[in-house]
């Protein structure tokens, strides 16, 4: 009996030590990944700042070139308009348009969770889920005929010719 209790104590100690080693290993790996990502983010930020100054220099050069042939105020106004149009074009390029939905968003307004590649290949259904109707269906009521319905469906409504 004494020997079994001693083995249980060794097992618990071994499990605790193994868990500690696993935690330290994961912590070290995460620390290294964070260090690399922090450096990459700093480089992106620095390149963005340099690009901002480069863009300002190009805008200044364009304004000064226009000022050679136009009054100064007109050159500044034209440069500002060009930069404003460029900003709008870039903003619209970043936004999703109705013809190309954003990745990960539902293509149908009523569809909540659109997962790319969730078709028949991944075990899901091939057809998308239809959107939820905006109004509940009428209970016990016969659907009314629309005025543009010419009876081509073979229905025998009030306006249908009798045979």
N, C-alpha and C. Protein backbone atom coordinates (compact mmCIF):
# COMPACT_ATOMS: atom_id res chain seq x y z
N UNK A 1 0.82 -1.19 0.00
CA UNK A 1 0.00 0.00 0.00
C UNK A 1 0.87 1.25 0.00
N UNK A 2 1.93 1.23 0.77
CA UNK A 2 2.85 2.36 0.86
C UNK A 2 3.50 2.61 -0.50
N UNK A 3 3.82 1.53 -1.20
CA UNK A 3 4.49 1.64 -2.50
C UNK A 3 3.56 2.30 -3.52
N UNK A 4 2.27 1.98 -3.51
CA UNK A 4 1.32 2.57 -4.45
C UNK A 4 1.18 4.08 -4.22
N UNK A 5 1.13 4.49 -2.97
CA UNK A 5 1.02 5.92 -2.67
C UNK A 5 2.27 6.66 -3.14
N UNK A 6 3.43 6.02 -3.00
CA UNK A 6 4.67 6.62 -3.45
C UNK A 6 4.67 6.79 -4.98
N UNK A 7 4.16 5.77 -5.71
CA UNK A 7 4.09 5.85 -7.17
C UNK A 7 3.10 6.93 -7.61
N UNK A 8 1.97 7.06 -6.91
CA UNK A 8 0.99 8.11 -7.24
C UNK A 8 1.63 9.49 -7.05
N UNK A 9 2.39 9.65 -6.00
CA UNK A 9 3.07 10.92 -5.76
C UNK A 9 4.07 11.21 -6.88
N UNK A 10 4.81 10.18 -7.34
CA UNK A 10 5.74 10.37 -8.44
C UNK A 10 5.01 10.73 -9.73
N UNK A 11 3.87 10.07 -9.97
CA UNK A 11 3.08 10.37 -11.17
C UNK A 11 2.60 11.81 -11.15
N UNK A 12 2.08 12.27 -10.03
CA UNK A 12 1.61 13.65 -9.93
C UNK A 12 2.76 14.63 -10.13
N UNK A 13 3.90 14.31 -9.53
CA UNK A 13 5.06 15.17 -9.67
C UNK A 13 5.52 15.22 -11.13
N UNK A 14 5.53 14.07 -11.79
CA UNK A 14 5.94 14.00 -13.19
C UNK A 14 4.97 14.78 -14.08
N UNK A 15 3.69 14.68 -13.83
CA UNK A 15 2.69 15.42 -14.62
C UNK A 15 2.84 16.91 -14.40
N UNK A 16 3.05 17.33 -13.16
CA UNK A 16 3.24 18.76 -12.88
C UNK A 16 4.49 19.29 -13.58
N UNK A 17 5.56 18.51 -13.54
CA UNK A 17 6.81 18.93 -14.17
C UNK A 17 6.65 19.00 -15.69
N UNK A 18 5.95 18.04 -16.27
CA UNK A 18 5.71 18.03 -17.71
C UNK A 18 4.85 19.23 -18.12
N UNK A 19 3.84 19.54 -17.34
CA UNK A 19 2.99 20.69 -17.63
C UNK A 19 3.79 21.99 -17.54
N UNK A 20 4.68 22.09 -16.57
CA UNK A 20 5.52 23.28 -16.42
C UNK A 20 6.43 23.46 -17.63
N UNK A 21 7.04 22.37 -18.09
CA UNK A 21 7.93 22.43 -19.26
C UNK A 21 7.12 22.84 -20.50
N UNK A 22 5.92 22.29 -20.66
CA UNK A 22 5.09 22.64 -21.81
C UNK A 22 4.70 24.12 -21.76
N UNK A 23 4.34 24.63 -20.58
CA UNK A 23 3.99 26.05 -20.45
C UNK A 23 5.17 26.95 -20.80
N UNK A 24 6.36 26.59 -20.31
CA UNK A 24 7.54 27.40 -20.61
C UNK A 24 7.88 27.39 -22.09
N UNK A 25 7.73 26.23 -22.72
CA UNK A 25 8.02 26.13 -24.15
C UNK A 25 7.04 26.98 -24.96
N UNK A 26 5.77 26.89 -24.65
CA UNK A 26 4.76 27.69 -25.36
C UNK A 26 4.99 29.17 -25.12
N UNK A 27 5.31 29.54 -23.88
CA UNK A 27 5.57 30.94 -23.54
C UNK A 27 6.76 31.48 -24.33
N UNK A 28 7.84 30.68 -24.43
CA UNK A 28 9.02 31.11 -25.18
C UNK A 28 8.71 31.26 -26.67
N UNK A 29 7.94 30.32 -27.23
CA UNK A 29 7.58 30.41 -28.65
C UNK A 29 6.72 31.65 -28.91
N UNK A 30 5.75 31.90 -28.05
CA UNK A 30 4.89 33.07 -28.22
C UNK A 30 5.68 34.37 -28.07
N UNK A 31 6.62 34.39 -27.15
CA UNK A 31 7.45 35.57 -26.96
C UNK A 31 8.28 35.85 -28.22
N UNK A 32 8.83 34.81 -28.82
CA UNK A 32 9.63 34.97 -30.04
C UNK A 32 8.75 35.43 -31.21
N UNK A 33 7.57 34.86 -31.36
CA UNK A 33 6.67 35.29 -32.42
C UNK A 33 6.25 36.74 -32.22
N UNK A 34 5.98 37.11 -30.99
CA UNK A 34 5.58 38.49 -30.70
C UNK A 34 6.71 39.45 -31.02
N UNK A 35 7.92 39.07 -30.72
CA UNK A 35 9.08 39.92 -31.01
C UNK A 35 9.22 40.14 -32.51
N UNK A 36 9.07 39.06 -33.29
CA UNK A 36 9.17 39.18 -34.75
C UNK A 36 8.03 40.04 -35.31
N UNK A 37 6.81 39.85 -34.81
CA UNK A 37 5.68 40.63 -35.30
C UNK A 37 5.79 42.09 -34.91
N UNK A 38 6.32 42.37 -33.74
CA UNK A 38 6.52 43.75 -33.31
C UNK A 38 7.52 44.45 -34.22
N UNK A 39 8.59 43.75 -34.58
CA UNK A 39 9.59 44.34 -35.48
C UNK A 39 8.97 44.59 -36.86
N UNK A 40 8.18 43.63 -37.35
CA UNK A 40 7.55 43.79 -38.65
C UNK A 40 6.57 44.97 -38.63
N UNK A 41 5.81 45.12 -37.55
CA UNK A 41 4.87 46.24 -37.44
C UNK A 41 5.60 47.57 -37.40
N UNK A 42 6.72 47.63 -36.71
CA UNK A 42 7.51 48.87 -36.66
C UNK A 42 8.04 49.22 -38.05
N UNK A 43 8.47 48.22 -38.82
CA UNK A 43 8.96 48.48 -40.17
C UNK A 43 7.84 48.97 -41.09
N UNK A 44 6.64 48.37 -40.95
CA UNK A 44 5.50 48.84 -41.73
C UNK A 44 5.14 50.28 -41.37
N UNK A 45 5.15 50.60 -40.10
CA UNK A 45 4.83 51.96 -39.67
C UNK A 45 5.86 52.95 -40.21
N UNK A 46 7.12 52.59 -40.16
CA UNK A 46 8.16 53.47 -40.68
C UNK A 46 8.02 53.65 -42.19
N UNK A 47 7.71 52.58 -42.90
CA UNK A 47 7.54 52.70 -44.35
C UNK A 47 6.32 53.54 -44.68
N UNK A 48 5.27 53.46 -43.88
CA UNK A 48 4.10 54.29 -44.09
C UNK A 48 4.40 55.77 -43.87
N UNK A 49 5.20 56.07 -42.85
CA UNK A 49 5.57 57.47 -42.59
C UNK A 49 6.43 58.02 -43.71
N UNK A 50 7.37 57.22 -44.20
CA UNK A 50 8.22 57.67 -45.31
C UNK A 50 7.38 57.86 -46.57
N UNK A 51 6.43 56.96 -46.82
CA UNK A 51 5.55 57.10 -47.99
C UNK A 51 4.69 58.35 -47.88
N UNK A 52 4.26 58.70 -46.68
CA UNK A 52 3.47 59.91 -46.48
C UNK A 52 4.30 61.14 -46.85
N UNK A 53 5.54 61.20 -46.38
CA UNK A 53 6.40 62.32 -46.72
C UNK A 53 6.72 62.34 -48.22
N UNK A 54 6.90 61.17 -48.81
CA UNK A 54 7.17 61.11 -50.25
C UNK A 54 5.96 61.62 -51.04
N UNK A 55 4.76 61.25 -50.60
CA UNK A 55 3.56 61.75 -51.25
C UNK A 55 3.41 63.25 -51.12
N UNK A 56 3.76 63.78 -49.96
CA UNK A 56 3.70 65.22 -49.76
C UNK A 56 4.71 65.93 -50.67
N UNK A 57 5.88 65.34 -50.84
CA UNK A 57 6.89 65.94 -51.72
C UNK A 57 6.42 65.92 -53.17
N UNK A 58 5.78 64.84 -53.59
CA UNK A 58 5.27 64.75 -54.95
C UNK A 58 4.16 65.78 -55.16
N UNK A 59 3.26 65.91 -54.17
CA UNK A 59 2.20 66.91 -54.28
C UNK A 59 2.77 68.32 -54.33
N UNK A 60 3.78 68.59 -53.54
CA UNK A 60 4.42 69.90 -53.56
C UNK A 60 5.08 70.17 -54.91
N UNK A 61 5.76 69.15 -55.46
CA UNK A 61 6.40 69.31 -56.76
C UNK A 61 5.36 69.56 -57.85
N UNK A 62 4.25 68.84 -57.80
CA UNK A 62 3.19 69.05 -58.79
C UNK A 62 2.61 70.45 -58.66
N UNK A 63 2.41 70.91 -57.44
CA UNK A 63 1.90 72.26 -57.23
C UNK A 63 2.85 73.32 -57.71
N UNK A 64 4.14 73.13 -57.46
CA UNK A 64 5.13 74.10 -57.92
C UNK A 64 5.26 74.11 -59.45
N UNK A 65 5.11 72.92 -60.06
CA UNK A 65 5.16 72.85 -61.53
C UNK A 65 3.96 73.57 -62.13
N UNK A 66 2.78 73.40 -61.52
CA UNK A 66 1.60 74.11 -62.01
C UNK A 66 1.72 75.61 -61.77
N UNK A 67 2.40 76.00 -60.71
CA UNK A 67 2.55 77.43 -60.38
C UNK A 67 3.41 78.16 -61.41
N UNK A 68 4.16 77.40 -62.21
CA UNK A 68 4.96 78.05 -63.25
C UNK A 68 4.09 78.61 -64.37
N UNK A 69 2.95 77.95 -64.62
CA UNK A 69 2.09 78.38 -65.73
C UNK A 69 0.77 78.98 -65.26
N UNK A 70 0.42 78.82 -63.99
CA UNK A 70 -0.84 79.32 -63.45
C UNK A 70 -0.55 80.20 -62.24
N UNK A 71 -1.54 80.97 -61.81
CA UNK A 71 -1.36 81.70 -60.55
C UNK A 71 -1.20 80.71 -59.39
N UNK A 72 -0.54 81.15 -58.33
CA UNK A 72 -0.25 80.25 -57.20
C UNK A 72 -1.52 79.65 -56.60
N UNK A 73 -2.56 80.45 -56.43
CA UNK A 73 -3.80 79.94 -55.82
C UNK A 73 -4.44 78.88 -56.70
N UNK A 74 -4.38 79.05 -58.02
CA UNK A 74 -4.97 78.07 -58.93
C UNK A 74 -4.17 76.76 -58.90
N UNK A 75 -2.86 76.87 -58.84
CA UNK A 75 -2.02 75.67 -58.77
C UNK A 75 -2.31 74.90 -57.48
N UNK A 76 -2.44 75.62 -56.37
CA UNK A 76 -2.73 74.95 -55.09
C UNK A 76 -4.12 74.32 -55.13
N UNK A 77 -5.09 74.99 -55.72
CA UNK A 77 -6.44 74.45 -55.81
C UNK A 77 -6.48 73.20 -56.69
N UNK A 78 -5.82 73.23 -57.81
CA UNK A 78 -5.79 72.07 -58.70
C UNK A 78 -5.09 70.90 -58.02
N UNK A 79 -3.99 71.16 -57.34
CA UNK A 79 -3.29 70.09 -56.62
C UNK A 79 -4.17 69.49 -55.55
N UNK A 80 -4.90 70.31 -54.81
CA UNK A 80 -5.80 69.81 -53.77
C UNK A 80 -6.93 68.98 -54.37
N UNK A 81 -7.47 69.41 -55.51
CA UNK A 81 -8.54 68.65 -56.16
C UNK A 81 -8.03 67.30 -56.65
N UNK A 82 -6.84 67.28 -57.21
CA UNK A 82 -6.27 66.00 -57.67
C UNK A 82 -6.07 65.05 -56.49
N UNK A 83 -5.55 65.58 -55.38
CA UNK A 83 -5.35 64.73 -54.20
C UNK A 83 -6.69 64.25 -53.63
N UNK A 84 -7.71 65.12 -53.65
CA UNK A 84 -9.03 64.72 -53.16
C UNK A 84 -9.64 63.62 -54.00
N UNK A 85 -9.54 63.74 -55.32
CA UNK A 85 -10.07 62.71 -56.22
C UNK A 85 -9.31 61.41 -56.02
N UNK A 86 -8.01 61.49 -55.86
CA UNK A 86 -7.20 60.29 -55.62
C UNK A 86 -7.61 59.61 -54.30
N UNK A 87 -7.88 60.42 -53.28
CA UNK A 87 -8.32 59.85 -51.99
C UNK A 87 -9.67 59.16 -52.14
N UNK A 88 -10.60 59.74 -52.89
CA UNK A 88 -11.90 59.11 -53.10
C UNK A 88 -11.77 57.81 -53.88
N UNK A 89 -10.93 57.80 -54.90
CA UNK A 89 -10.74 56.58 -55.69
C UNK A 89 -10.16 55.47 -54.82
N UNK A 90 -9.17 55.81 -54.00
CA UNK A 90 -8.57 54.80 -53.12
C UNK A 90 -9.56 54.31 -52.07
N UNK A 91 -10.38 55.22 -51.53
CA UNK A 91 -11.38 54.81 -50.54
C UNK A 91 -12.40 53.88 -51.16
N UNK A 92 -12.86 54.20 -52.38
CA UNK A 92 -13.84 53.35 -53.03
C UNK A 92 -13.24 52.01 -53.44
N UNK A 93 -11.96 51.97 -53.72
CA UNK A 93 -11.31 50.70 -54.03
C UNK A 93 -11.21 49.82 -52.80
N UNK A 94 -11.14 50.43 -51.63
CA UNK A 94 -11.03 49.65 -50.39
C UNK A 94 -12.38 49.13 -49.93
N UNK A 95 -13.47 49.79 -50.30
CA UNK A 95 -14.80 49.36 -49.88
C UNK A 95 -15.32 48.28 -50.82
N UNK A 96 -16.06 47.30 -50.28
CA UNK A 96 -16.65 46.28 -51.16
C UNK A 96 -17.85 46.86 -51.90
N UNK A 97 -17.97 46.53 -53.16
CA UNK A 97 -19.12 46.98 -53.93
C UNK A 97 -20.17 45.87 -53.95
N UNK A 98 -21.42 46.17 -54.33
CA UNK A 98 -22.44 45.12 -54.36
C UNK A 98 -22.11 44.00 -55.32
N UNK A 99 -21.36 44.28 -56.39
CA UNK A 99 -21.03 43.23 -57.35
C UNK A 99 -19.94 42.29 -56.84
N UNK A 100 -19.11 42.74 -55.90
CA UNK A 100 -18.07 41.87 -55.33
C UNK A 100 -18.14 41.97 -53.81
N UNK A 101 -18.85 41.03 -53.17
CA UNK A 101 -18.99 41.09 -51.71
C UNK A 101 -17.66 40.86 -51.02
N UNK A 102 -17.56 41.41 -49.81
CA UNK A 102 -16.33 41.27 -49.03
C UNK A 102 -16.15 39.82 -48.61
N UNK A 103 -14.90 39.40 -48.49
CA UNK A 103 -14.58 38.05 -48.09
C UNK A 103 -15.06 37.79 -46.67
N UNK A 104 -15.81 36.71 -46.47
CA UNK A 104 -16.26 36.37 -45.13
C UNK A 104 -17.61 36.96 -44.77
N UNK A 105 -18.12 37.87 -45.58
CA UNK A 105 -19.44 38.43 -45.30
C UNK A 105 -20.48 37.68 -46.10
N UNK A 106 -21.71 37.77 -45.66
CA UNK A 106 -22.81 37.10 -46.34
C UNK A 106 -23.11 37.81 -47.65
N UNK A 107 -23.25 37.03 -48.73
CA UNK A 107 -23.58 37.62 -50.02
C UNK A 107 -25.05 37.99 -50.08
N UNK A 108 -25.89 37.27 -49.34
CA UNK A 108 -27.32 37.54 -49.28
C UNK A 108 -27.61 38.26 -47.98
N UNK A 109 -28.37 39.36 -47.99
CA UNK A 109 -28.57 40.12 -46.77
C UNK A 109 -29.15 39.32 -45.61
N UNK A 110 -30.03 38.37 -45.86
CA UNK A 110 -30.63 37.59 -44.78
C UNK A 110 -29.75 36.46 -44.29
N UNK A 111 -28.72 36.14 -45.04
CA UNK A 111 -27.84 35.05 -44.68
C UNK A 111 -26.81 35.55 -43.69
N UNK A 112 -26.76 34.94 -42.52
CA UNK A 112 -25.92 35.48 -41.45
C UNK A 112 -24.47 35.06 -41.53
N UNK A 113 -24.23 33.78 -41.70
CA UNK A 113 -22.85 33.28 -41.63
C UNK A 113 -22.49 32.64 -42.96
N UNK A 114 -21.79 33.38 -43.80
CA UNK A 114 -21.31 32.84 -45.06
C UNK A 114 -19.88 32.41 -44.86
N UNK A 115 -19.65 31.12 -45.00
CA UNK A 115 -18.30 30.60 -44.85
C UNK A 115 -17.80 30.22 -46.22
N UNK A 116 -16.71 30.83 -46.71
CA UNK A 116 -16.21 30.49 -48.02
C UNK A 116 -15.79 29.04 -48.06
N UNK A 117 -16.17 28.34 -49.13
CA UNK A 117 -15.78 26.95 -49.28
C UNK A 117 -16.62 26.00 -48.47
N UNK A 118 -17.78 26.42 -47.99
CA UNK A 118 -18.63 25.54 -47.20
C UNK A 118 -19.64 24.85 -48.09
N UNK A 119 -19.23 24.43 -49.25
CA UNK A 119 -20.13 23.77 -50.18
C UNK A 119 -20.13 22.28 -49.96
N UNK A 120 -20.43 21.54 -51.04
CA UNK A 120 -20.53 20.09 -50.94
C UNK A 120 -19.17 19.46 -50.67
N UNK A 121 -18.09 20.11 -51.07
CA UNK A 121 -16.75 19.54 -50.88
C UNK A 121 -16.39 19.43 -49.40
N UNK A 122 -16.90 20.34 -48.58
CA UNK A 122 -16.56 20.30 -47.17
C UNK A 122 -17.61 19.59 -46.33
N UNK A 123 -18.54 18.92 -47.00
CA UNK A 123 -19.54 18.17 -46.26
C UNK A 123 -20.83 18.93 -46.05
N UNK A 124 -20.89 20.20 -46.41
CA UNK A 124 -22.10 21.00 -46.26
C UNK A 124 -22.99 20.82 -47.46
N UNK A 125 -24.10 21.53 -47.48
CA UNK A 125 -24.99 21.46 -48.61
C UNK A 125 -24.45 22.32 -49.73
N UNK A 126 -24.74 21.95 -50.97
CA UNK A 126 -24.23 22.69 -52.11
C UNK A 126 -25.00 23.98 -52.32
N UNK A 127 -26.31 23.98 -52.04
CA UNK A 127 -27.12 25.17 -52.26
C UNK A 127 -27.06 26.08 -51.03
N UNK A 128 -27.03 27.39 -51.23
CA UNK A 128 -27.01 28.29 -50.09
C UNK A 128 -28.37 28.32 -49.40
N UNK A 129 -28.37 28.71 -48.17
CA UNK A 129 -29.61 28.80 -47.40
C UNK A 129 -30.37 30.02 -47.87
N UNK A 130 -31.67 29.89 -48.18
CA UNK A 130 -32.42 31.06 -48.65
C UNK A 130 -32.59 32.07 -47.52
N UNK A 131 -32.71 33.36 -47.88
CA UNK A 131 -32.87 34.37 -46.84
C UNK A 131 -34.22 34.25 -46.16
N UNK A 132 -34.28 34.72 -44.93
CA UNK A 132 -35.52 34.68 -44.17
C UNK A 132 -36.47 35.74 -44.70
N UNK A 133 -37.77 35.41 -44.91
CA UNK A 133 -38.71 36.41 -45.42
C UNK A 133 -38.89 37.54 -44.44
N UNK A 134 -39.16 38.74 -44.97
CA UNK A 134 -39.30 39.90 -44.10
C UNK A 134 -40.65 39.95 -43.40
N UNK A 135 -41.66 39.29 -43.95
CA UNK A 135 -42.98 39.25 -43.32
C UNK A 135 -43.38 37.79 -43.12
N UNK A 136 -44.09 37.48 -42.04
CA UNK A 136 -44.50 36.10 -41.83
C UNK A 136 -45.60 35.72 -42.82
N UNK A 137 -45.69 34.44 -43.16
CA UNK A 137 -46.73 34.02 -44.10
C UNK A 137 -48.11 34.14 -43.46
N UNK A 138 -49.10 34.42 -44.29
CA UNK A 138 -50.48 34.51 -43.81
C UNK A 138 -50.99 33.11 -43.54
N UNK A 139 -51.72 32.94 -42.47
CA UNK A 139 -52.23 31.62 -42.12
C UNK A 139 -53.66 31.47 -42.60
N UNK A 140 -53.92 30.40 -43.35
CA UNK A 140 -55.27 30.08 -43.78
C UNK A 140 -55.80 30.96 -44.90
N UNK A 141 -55.04 31.86 -45.42
CA UNK A 141 -55.51 32.75 -46.48
C UNK A 141 -55.05 32.23 -47.83
N UNK A 142 -55.90 32.38 -48.84
CA UNK A 142 -55.55 32.00 -50.19
C UNK A 142 -54.77 33.16 -50.80
N UNK A 143 -53.66 32.89 -51.45
CA UNK A 143 -52.89 33.98 -52.03
C UNK A 143 -53.70 34.71 -53.10
N UNK A 144 -53.59 36.02 -53.10
CA UNK A 144 -54.31 36.86 -54.06
C UNK A 144 -53.57 36.86 -55.38
N UNK A 145 -54.33 37.04 -56.46
CA UNK A 145 -53.71 37.13 -57.78
C UNK A 145 -53.17 38.53 -57.99
N UNK A 146 -52.05 38.62 -58.60
CA UNK A 146 -51.48 39.92 -58.93
C UNK A 146 -52.12 40.43 -60.21
N UNK A 147 -52.19 41.76 -60.37
CA UNK A 147 -52.80 42.31 -61.59
C UNK A 147 -52.02 41.95 -62.85
N UNK A 148 -50.72 41.74 -62.73
CA UNK A 148 -49.93 41.43 -63.92
C UNK A 148 -49.94 39.95 -64.26
N UNK A 149 -50.64 39.13 -63.44
CA UNK A 149 -50.72 37.70 -63.68
C UNK A 149 -51.76 37.45 -64.76
N UNK A 150 -51.37 36.84 -65.89
CA UNK A 150 -52.29 36.65 -67.01
C UNK A 150 -52.93 35.28 -67.02
N UNK A 151 -52.74 34.51 -66.00
CA UNK A 151 -53.36 33.18 -65.92
C UNK A 151 -52.60 32.15 -66.71
N UNK A 152 -51.36 32.43 -67.09
CA UNK A 152 -50.56 31.50 -67.89
C UNK A 152 -50.18 30.26 -67.11
N UNK A 153 -50.29 30.34 -65.78
CA UNK A 153 -49.92 29.19 -64.97
C UNK A 153 -51.01 28.15 -64.92
N UNK A 154 -52.16 28.40 -65.58
CA UNK A 154 -53.24 27.42 -65.61
C UNK A 154 -54.14 27.51 -64.42
N UNK A 155 -53.99 28.52 -63.60
CA UNK A 155 -54.83 28.67 -62.42
C UNK A 155 -56.24 29.09 -62.80
N UNK A 156 -57.17 28.72 -62.00
CA UNK A 156 -58.58 29.02 -62.30
C UNK A 156 -59.08 30.13 -61.39
N UNK A 157 -58.47 31.26 -61.42
CA UNK A 157 -58.87 32.37 -60.57
C UNK A 157 -60.11 33.07 -61.14
N UNK A 158 -60.52 34.17 -60.49
CA UNK A 158 -61.74 34.84 -60.93
C UNK A 158 -61.62 35.42 -62.33
N UNK A 159 -60.43 35.79 -62.76
CA UNK A 159 -60.31 36.39 -64.10
C UNK A 159 -59.98 35.37 -65.16
N UNK A 160 -59.90 34.10 -64.82
CA UNK A 160 -59.52 33.08 -65.80
C UNK A 160 -60.71 32.75 -66.70
N UNK A 161 -60.48 32.51 -67.99
CA UNK A 161 -61.58 32.15 -68.88
C UNK A 161 -62.12 30.77 -68.53
N UNK A 162 -63.41 30.61 -68.70
CA UNK A 162 -64.03 29.32 -68.40
C UNK A 162 -64.08 28.45 -69.66
N UNK A 163 -63.94 27.17 -69.50
CA UNK A 163 -63.94 26.29 -70.64
C UNK A 163 -65.25 25.59 -70.85
